[in-house]
Structures are given as C-alpha cells and as structure tokens.
C-alpha cells in the first residue's frame, strides 16, 4: 500500500469498485479470459450503469496508484504494456458482447468504457 494517503484513496477505491463489480455481475458470469461465457447475461446495474468495464477501471486505479507511489521506468513500462493489453481485451470483449446481445449497442451508447463521462 502506498505511504501517501492521496495514493491510498484510489487503491482502496479501486479494490472496492472491483469487488462491487464482481458482486453485481455474479461470480457465475465472471470469466478471467475476455471471452463471453455461453450462459452470460448482460449486466447494466451498479457500476455497469455508468461504465461498461468497471473491473478494468479498478485494475487501472490500483496499478496506476502503485506505480505512482514508487515510480521507476520499468514500472512505467509495465503499466504501459498493461494499458495496451487491456485496451485490446476491451475491444475484443466488446465485439463479442455486441455479437451476443442485441441490446449491447444501446447500452454502449449510454455508457463509457472505463472512465465515467470521458471514455
């Protein structure tokens, strides 16, 4: 945990957001690979009302804060690789969700991917 309270807040908020997202989605709907499960259902409650990928948001909040707490070039490079990887996963997952759920296009139009009100 970072020493600075200014960096502890986003770490704790990211952990809470990640747990909240998993609880709302239900553990039976969570899949570690970005492949949509056969019996998946589209979740639009809780944090999913505002952002489509709150678990990725939670990861970003925690990791960016930890890198900022003890910044090194190698940690920044690892963060860059993580961001690129998650962007590819988001795009892959969204294509799958759009193919599986007819209502996904409308959901996508009223929510942001990762950062509320921005992206």
N, C-alpha and C. Protein backbone atom coordinates (compact mmCIF):
# COMPACT_ATOMS: atom_id res chain seq x y z
N UNK A 1 0.85 -1.17 0.00
CA UNK A 1 0.00 0.00 0.00
C UNK A 1 0.90 1.24 0.00
N UNK A 2 0.59 2.22 -0.84
CA UNK A 2 1.39 3.44 -0.88
C UNK A 2 1.37 4.17 0.46
N UNK A 3 2.46 4.88 0.78
CA UNK A 3 2.53 5.64 2.02
C UNK A 3 1.64 6.87 1.99
N UNK A 4 1.52 7.49 0.83
CA UNK A 4 0.74 8.72 0.70
C UNK A 4 -0.76 8.43 0.74
N UNK A 5 -1.50 9.17 1.60
CA UNK A 5 -2.95 8.97 1.62
C UNK A 5 -3.60 9.33 0.28
N UNK A 6 -2.96 10.22 -0.48
CA UNK A 6 -3.52 10.60 -1.78
C UNK A 6 -3.44 9.46 -2.77
N UNK A 7 -2.52 8.55 -2.55
CA UNK A 7 -2.42 7.39 -3.42
C UNK A 7 -3.15 6.18 -2.82
N UNK A 8 -3.36 6.18 -1.52
CA UNK A 8 -4.11 5.10 -0.87
C UNK A 8 -5.58 5.16 -1.25
N UNK A 9 -6.11 6.36 -1.42
CA UNK A 9 -7.53 6.52 -1.74
C UNK A 9 -7.89 5.83 -3.06
N UNK A 10 -7.18 6.09 -4.17
CA UNK A 10 -7.55 5.38 -5.40
C UNK A 10 -7.30 3.87 -5.34
N UNK A 11 -6.31 3.43 -4.56
CA UNK A 11 -6.08 1.99 -4.41
C UNK A 11 -7.29 1.37 -3.72
N UNK A 12 -7.70 1.94 -2.59
CA UNK A 12 -8.86 1.41 -1.87
C UNK A 12 -10.13 1.53 -2.69
N UNK A 13 -10.30 2.65 -3.39
CA UNK A 13 -11.49 2.83 -4.24
C UNK A 13 -11.50 1.80 -5.37
N UNK A 14 -10.34 1.51 -5.94
CA UNK A 14 -10.25 0.50 -6.99
C UNK A 14 -10.60 -0.88 -6.49
N UNK A 15 -10.13 -1.20 -5.29
CA UNK A 15 -10.46 -2.51 -4.70
C UNK A 15 -11.96 -2.61 -4.45
N UNK A 16 -12.54 -1.57 -3.88
CA UNK A 16 -13.99 -1.57 -3.62
C UNK A 16 -14.76 -1.67 -4.93
N UNK A 17 -14.36 -0.90 -5.95
CA UNK A 17 -15.04 -0.94 -7.24
C UNK A 17 -14.95 -2.34 -7.85
N UNK A 18 -13.79 -2.96 -7.80
CA UNK A 18 -13.62 -4.30 -8.35
C UNK A 18 -14.50 -5.32 -7.66
N UNK A 19 -14.55 -5.27 -6.34
CA UNK A 19 -15.41 -6.19 -5.58
C UNK A 19 -16.87 -5.93 -5.90
N UNK A 20 -17.27 -4.65 -5.94
CA UNK A 20 -18.66 -4.29 -6.25
C UNK A 20 -19.05 -4.82 -7.63
N UNK A 21 -18.17 -4.63 -8.61
CA UNK A 21 -18.46 -5.10 -9.97
C UNK A 21 -18.65 -6.61 -10.01
N UNK A 22 -17.81 -7.34 -9.29
CA UNK A 22 -17.93 -8.81 -9.26
C UNK A 22 -19.21 -9.23 -8.57
N UNK A 23 -19.55 -8.56 -7.47
CA UNK A 23 -20.79 -8.90 -6.74
C UNK A 23 -22.01 -8.65 -7.63
N UNK A 24 -22.05 -7.50 -8.31
CA UNK A 24 -23.19 -7.16 -9.17
C UNK A 24 -23.27 -8.13 -10.36
N UNK A 25 -22.13 -8.44 -10.96
CA UNK A 25 -22.14 -9.33 -12.11
C UNK A 25 -22.47 -10.76 -11.69
N UNK A 26 -22.05 -11.14 -10.52
CA UNK A 26 -22.25 -12.51 -10.06
C UNK A 26 -21.08 -13.37 -10.49
N UNK A 27 -20.59 -14.17 -9.60
CA UNK A 27 -19.40 -14.96 -9.90
C UNK A 27 -19.63 -15.96 -11.03
N UNK A 28 -20.89 -16.33 -11.27
CA UNK A 28 -21.17 -17.25 -12.37
C UNK A 28 -21.07 -16.59 -13.74
N UNK A 29 -21.00 -15.26 -13.77
CA UNK A 29 -20.93 -14.51 -15.02
C UNK A 29 -19.51 -13.96 -15.26
N UNK A 30 -18.60 -14.16 -14.29
CA UNK A 30 -17.23 -13.65 -14.39
C UNK A 30 -16.36 -14.70 -15.06
N UNK A 31 -15.54 -14.22 -15.99
CA UNK A 31 -14.64 -15.10 -16.73
C UNK A 31 -13.30 -14.39 -16.85
N UNK A 32 -12.22 -15.02 -16.43
CA UNK A 32 -10.91 -14.36 -16.47
C UNK A 32 -10.50 -14.01 -17.91
N UNK A 33 -10.54 -14.94 -18.86
CA UNK A 33 -10.27 -14.52 -20.25
C UNK A 33 -11.41 -13.61 -20.73
N UNK A 34 -11.15 -12.74 -21.69
CA UNK A 34 -12.20 -11.82 -22.13
C UNK A 34 -13.27 -12.46 -23.01
N UNK A 35 -13.35 -13.77 -23.02
CA UNK A 35 -14.37 -14.46 -23.80
C UNK A 35 -15.70 -14.43 -23.04
N UNK A 36 -16.78 -14.15 -23.77
CA UNK A 36 -18.11 -14.11 -23.16
C UNK A 36 -18.58 -15.55 -22.97
N UNK A 37 -19.03 -15.85 -21.78
CA UNK A 37 -19.47 -17.20 -21.47
C UNK A 37 -20.77 -17.52 -22.20
N UNK A 38 -20.99 -18.80 -22.45
CA UNK A 38 -22.18 -19.24 -23.20
C UNK A 38 -23.48 -18.80 -22.53
N UNK A 39 -23.56 -18.93 -21.21
CA UNK A 39 -24.78 -18.60 -20.48
C UNK A 39 -24.74 -17.21 -19.85
N UNK A 40 -23.88 -16.33 -20.37
CA UNK A 40 -23.73 -14.98 -19.82
C UNK A 40 -24.99 -14.16 -20.04
N UNK A 41 -25.17 -13.19 -19.16
CA UNK A 41 -26.26 -12.22 -19.33
C UNK A 41 -25.66 -10.82 -19.25
N UNK A 42 -26.29 -9.87 -19.91
CA UNK A 42 -25.80 -8.50 -19.94
C UNK A 42 -26.16 -7.82 -18.62
N UNK A 43 -25.17 -7.31 -17.93
CA UNK A 43 -25.36 -6.65 -16.64
C UNK A 43 -25.33 -5.15 -16.85
N UNK A 44 -26.36 -4.45 -16.36
CA UNK A 44 -26.46 -3.00 -16.53
C UNK A 44 -26.74 -2.29 -15.21
N UNK A 45 -26.53 -2.96 -14.08
CA UNK A 45 -26.79 -2.38 -12.78
C UNK A 45 -25.48 -2.02 -12.08
N UNK A 46 -25.61 -1.35 -10.94
CA UNK A 46 -24.44 -0.99 -10.15
C UNK A 46 -23.48 -0.14 -10.95
N UNK A 47 -22.18 -0.43 -10.89
CA UNK A 47 -21.22 0.39 -11.62
C UNK A 47 -21.38 0.27 -13.13
N UNK A 48 -22.06 -0.81 -13.58
CA UNK A 48 -22.27 -1.03 -15.01
C UNK A 48 -23.29 -0.05 -15.59
N UNK A 49 -23.97 0.72 -14.75
CA UNK A 49 -24.88 1.76 -15.25
C UNK A 49 -24.09 2.89 -15.90
N UNK A 50 -22.87 3.10 -15.44
CA UNK A 50 -22.07 4.24 -15.90
C UNK A 50 -20.91 3.81 -16.78
N UNK A 51 -20.24 2.71 -16.40
CA UNK A 51 -19.08 2.23 -17.16
C UNK A 51 -19.27 0.76 -17.53
N UNK A 52 -18.84 0.42 -18.74
CA UNK A 52 -19.03 -0.94 -19.24
C UNK A 52 -18.02 -1.93 -18.68
N UNK A 53 -16.88 -1.45 -18.23
CA UNK A 53 -15.81 -2.35 -17.78
C UNK A 53 -15.26 -1.90 -16.42
N UNK A 54 -16.08 -1.93 -15.38
CA UNK A 54 -15.60 -1.45 -14.08
C UNK A 54 -14.47 -2.29 -13.49
N UNK A 55 -14.38 -3.55 -13.85
CA UNK A 55 -13.25 -4.35 -13.33
C UNK A 55 -11.93 -3.86 -13.94
N UNK A 56 -11.94 -3.48 -15.20
CA UNK A 56 -10.73 -2.91 -15.80
C UNK A 56 -10.44 -1.55 -15.19
N UNK A 57 -11.48 -0.77 -14.92
CA UNK A 57 -11.29 0.53 -14.25
C UNK A 57 -10.61 0.31 -12.91
N UNK A 58 -11.07 -0.69 -12.16
CA UNK A 58 -10.50 -0.99 -10.85
C UNK A 58 -9.02 -1.35 -10.98
N UNK A 59 -8.70 -2.16 -11.97
CA UNK A 59 -7.29 -2.53 -12.19
C UNK A 59 -6.46 -1.29 -12.48
N UNK A 60 -6.95 -0.43 -13.36
CA UNK A 60 -6.23 0.81 -13.69
C UNK A 60 -6.01 1.66 -12.44
N UNK A 61 -7.05 1.83 -11.63
CA UNK A 61 -6.94 2.66 -10.43
C UNK A 61 -5.87 2.15 -9.48
N UNK A 62 -5.86 0.86 -9.26
CA UNK A 62 -4.90 0.27 -8.33
C UNK A 62 -3.48 0.33 -8.89
N UNK A 63 -3.31 -0.12 -10.11
CA UNK A 63 -1.95 -0.22 -10.68
C UNK A 63 -1.33 1.15 -10.92
N UNK A 64 -2.10 2.09 -11.45
CA UNK A 64 -1.55 3.44 -11.67
C UNK A 64 -1.12 4.06 -10.35
N UNK A 65 -1.91 3.87 -9.31
CA UNK A 65 -1.55 4.41 -7.99
C UNK A 65 -0.29 3.76 -7.44
N UNK A 66 -0.17 2.45 -7.60
CA UNK A 66 1.01 1.76 -7.10
C UNK A 66 2.27 2.16 -7.88
N UNK A 67 2.14 2.35 -9.18
CA UNK A 67 3.28 2.81 -9.97
C UNK A 67 3.67 4.24 -9.56
N UNK A 68 2.67 5.09 -9.34
CA UNK A 68 2.96 6.47 -8.93
C UNK A 68 3.62 6.51 -7.55
N UNK A 69 3.26 5.57 -6.68
CA UNK A 69 3.81 5.56 -5.32
C UNK A 69 5.30 5.27 -5.30
N UNK A 70 5.75 4.40 -6.18
CA UNK A 70 7.17 4.05 -6.27
C UNK A 70 7.56 3.98 -7.73
N UNK A 71 7.61 5.14 -8.34
CA UNK A 71 7.83 5.25 -9.77
C UNK A 71 9.24 4.81 -10.15
N UNK A 72 9.30 3.96 -11.17
CA UNK A 72 10.54 3.63 -11.86
C UNK A 72 10.19 3.51 -13.35
N UNK A 73 11.19 3.61 -14.17
CA UNK A 73 10.96 3.50 -15.61
C UNK A 73 10.42 2.11 -15.95
N UNK A 74 10.94 1.08 -15.31
CA UNK A 74 10.47 -0.27 -15.62
C UNK A 74 9.01 -0.46 -15.19
N UNK A 75 8.62 0.12 -14.08
CA UNK A 75 7.21 0.03 -13.66
C UNK A 75 6.31 0.81 -14.62
N UNK A 76 6.78 1.95 -15.07
CA UNK A 76 6.01 2.74 -16.03
C UNK A 76 5.86 1.96 -17.34
N UNK A 77 6.92 1.29 -17.75
CA UNK A 77 6.85 0.48 -18.97
C UNK A 77 5.86 -0.68 -18.79
N UNK A 78 5.90 -1.32 -17.63
CA UNK A 78 4.95 -2.40 -17.37
C UNK A 78 3.53 -1.87 -17.36
N UNK A 79 3.32 -0.69 -16.81
CA UNK A 79 1.99 -0.06 -16.82
C UNK A 79 1.55 0.20 -18.26
N UNK A 80 2.45 0.70 -19.08
CA UNK A 80 2.12 0.94 -20.49
C UNK A 80 1.70 -0.34 -21.19
N UNK A 81 2.42 -1.43 -20.94
CA UNK A 81 2.08 -2.72 -21.53
C UNK A 81 0.71 -3.18 -21.04
N UNK A 82 0.45 -3.01 -19.73
CA UNK A 82 -0.85 -3.39 -19.17
C UNK A 82 -1.98 -2.59 -19.82
N UNK A 83 -1.79 -1.30 -19.98
CA UNK A 83 -2.82 -0.45 -20.59
C UNK A 83 -3.11 -0.91 -22.02
N UNK A 84 -2.07 -1.16 -22.80
CA UNK A 84 -2.24 -1.63 -24.18
C UNK A 84 -2.97 -2.97 -24.19
N UNK A 85 -2.55 -3.88 -23.32
CA UNK A 85 -3.19 -5.19 -23.24
C UNK A 85 -4.68 -5.07 -22.91
N UNK A 86 -5.00 -4.26 -21.92
CA UNK A 86 -6.40 -4.13 -21.51
C UNK A 86 -7.24 -3.43 -22.58
N UNK A 87 -6.66 -2.51 -23.31
CA UNK A 87 -7.40 -1.87 -24.41
C UNK A 87 -7.75 -2.91 -25.48
N UNK A 88 -6.80 -3.77 -25.82
CA UNK A 88 -7.09 -4.84 -26.78
C UNK A 88 -8.16 -5.78 -26.24
N UNK A 89 -8.07 -6.13 -24.96
CA UNK A 89 -9.07 -7.01 -24.36
C UNK A 89 -10.45 -6.37 -24.36
N UNK A 90 -10.51 -5.08 -24.06
CA UNK A 90 -11.80 -4.37 -24.06
C UNK A 90 -12.42 -4.42 -25.44
N UNK A 91 -11.65 -4.12 -26.45
CA UNK A 91 -12.18 -4.14 -27.82
C UNK A 91 -12.64 -5.54 -28.22
N UNK A 92 -11.86 -6.53 -27.90
CA UNK A 92 -12.22 -7.93 -28.19
C UNK A 92 -13.52 -8.30 -27.48
N UNK A 93 -13.58 -7.99 -26.19
CA UNK A 93 -14.76 -8.32 -25.39
C UNK A 93 -16.00 -7.59 -25.90
N UNK A 94 -15.85 -6.32 -26.26
CA UNK A 94 -17.00 -5.57 -26.75
C UNK A 94 -17.52 -6.12 -28.07
N UNK A 95 -16.63 -6.58 -28.93
CA UNK A 95 -17.08 -7.22 -30.18
C UNK A 95 -17.88 -8.48 -29.88
N UNK A 96 -17.42 -9.26 -28.93
CA UNK A 96 -18.16 -10.46 -28.54
C UNK A 96 -19.51 -10.13 -27.92
N UNK A 97 -19.53 -9.14 -27.05
CA UNK A 97 -20.79 -8.75 -26.40
C UNK A 97 -21.79 -8.23 -27.42
N UNK A 98 -21.31 -7.44 -28.39
CA UNK A 98 -22.20 -6.92 -29.43
C UNK A 98 -22.78 -8.05 -30.27
N UNK A 99 -21.99 -9.09 -30.51
CA UNK A 99 -22.47 -10.22 -31.29
C UNK A 99 -23.47 -11.06 -30.51
N UNK A 100 -23.31 -11.13 -29.20
CA UNK A 100 -24.16 -11.98 -28.37
C UNK A 100 -25.47 -11.30 -27.94
N UNK A 101 -25.41 -10.00 -27.67
CA UNK A 101 -26.56 -9.28 -27.13
C UNK A 101 -27.02 -8.18 -28.09
N UNK A 102 -28.24 -8.28 -28.57
CA UNK A 102 -28.79 -7.24 -29.46
C UNK A 102 -28.86 -5.89 -28.78
N UNK A 103 -29.09 -5.88 -27.47
CA UNK A 103 -29.24 -4.64 -26.72
C UNK A 103 -27.90 -3.99 -26.37
N UNK A 104 -26.78 -4.62 -26.75
CA UNK A 104 -25.47 -4.08 -26.38
C UNK A 104 -25.19 -2.74 -27.07
N UNK A 105 -25.64 -2.55 -28.27
CA UNK A 105 -25.40 -1.28 -28.98
C UNK A 105 -26.02 -0.11 -28.23
N UNK A 106 -27.24 -0.28 -27.74
CA UNK A 106 -27.90 0.78 -26.97
C UNK A 106 -27.17 1.00 -25.65
N UNK A 107 -26.76 -0.08 -25.01
CA UNK A 107 -26.00 0.02 -23.75
C UNK A 107 -24.69 0.76 -23.97
N UNK A 108 -24.00 0.44 -25.06
CA UNK A 108 -22.74 1.09 -25.39
C UNK A 108 -22.93 2.59 -25.62
N UNK A 109 -24.06 2.98 -26.20
CA UNK A 109 -24.32 4.39 -26.47
C UNK A 109 -24.60 5.21 -25.22
N UNK A 110 -25.04 4.58 -24.15
CA UNK A 110 -25.38 5.35 -22.95
C UNK A 110 -24.36 5.20 -21.81
N UNK A 111 -23.26 4.49 -22.06
CA UNK A 111 -22.23 4.31 -21.05
C UNK A 111 -20.85 4.62 -21.63
N UNK A 112 -19.89 4.75 -20.74
CA UNK A 112 -18.49 4.90 -21.15
C UNK A 112 -17.75 3.60 -20.88
N UNK A 113 -16.66 3.40 -21.59
CA UNK A 113 -15.93 2.13 -21.45
C UNK A 113 -15.31 1.96 -20.07
N UNK A 114 -14.46 2.90 -19.68
CA UNK A 114 -13.65 2.71 -18.48
C UNK A 114 -13.69 3.91 -17.55
N UNK A 115 -13.67 5.09 -18.11
CA UNK A 115 -13.62 6.32 -17.31
C UNK A 115 -14.97 7.02 -17.42
N UNK A 116 -15.70 7.12 -16.29
CA UNK A 116 -17.04 7.73 -16.36
C UNK A 116 -17.00 9.13 -17.00
N UNK A 117 -17.92 9.35 -17.92
CA UNK A 117 -18.14 10.64 -18.59
C UNK A 117 -17.01 11.05 -19.52
N UNK A 118 -15.98 10.20 -19.71
CA UNK A 118 -14.84 10.55 -20.56
C UNK A 118 -14.61 9.51 -21.65
N UNK A 119 -14.32 8.25 -21.27
CA UNK A 119 -14.01 7.20 -22.26
C UNK A 119 -14.52 5.86 -21.82
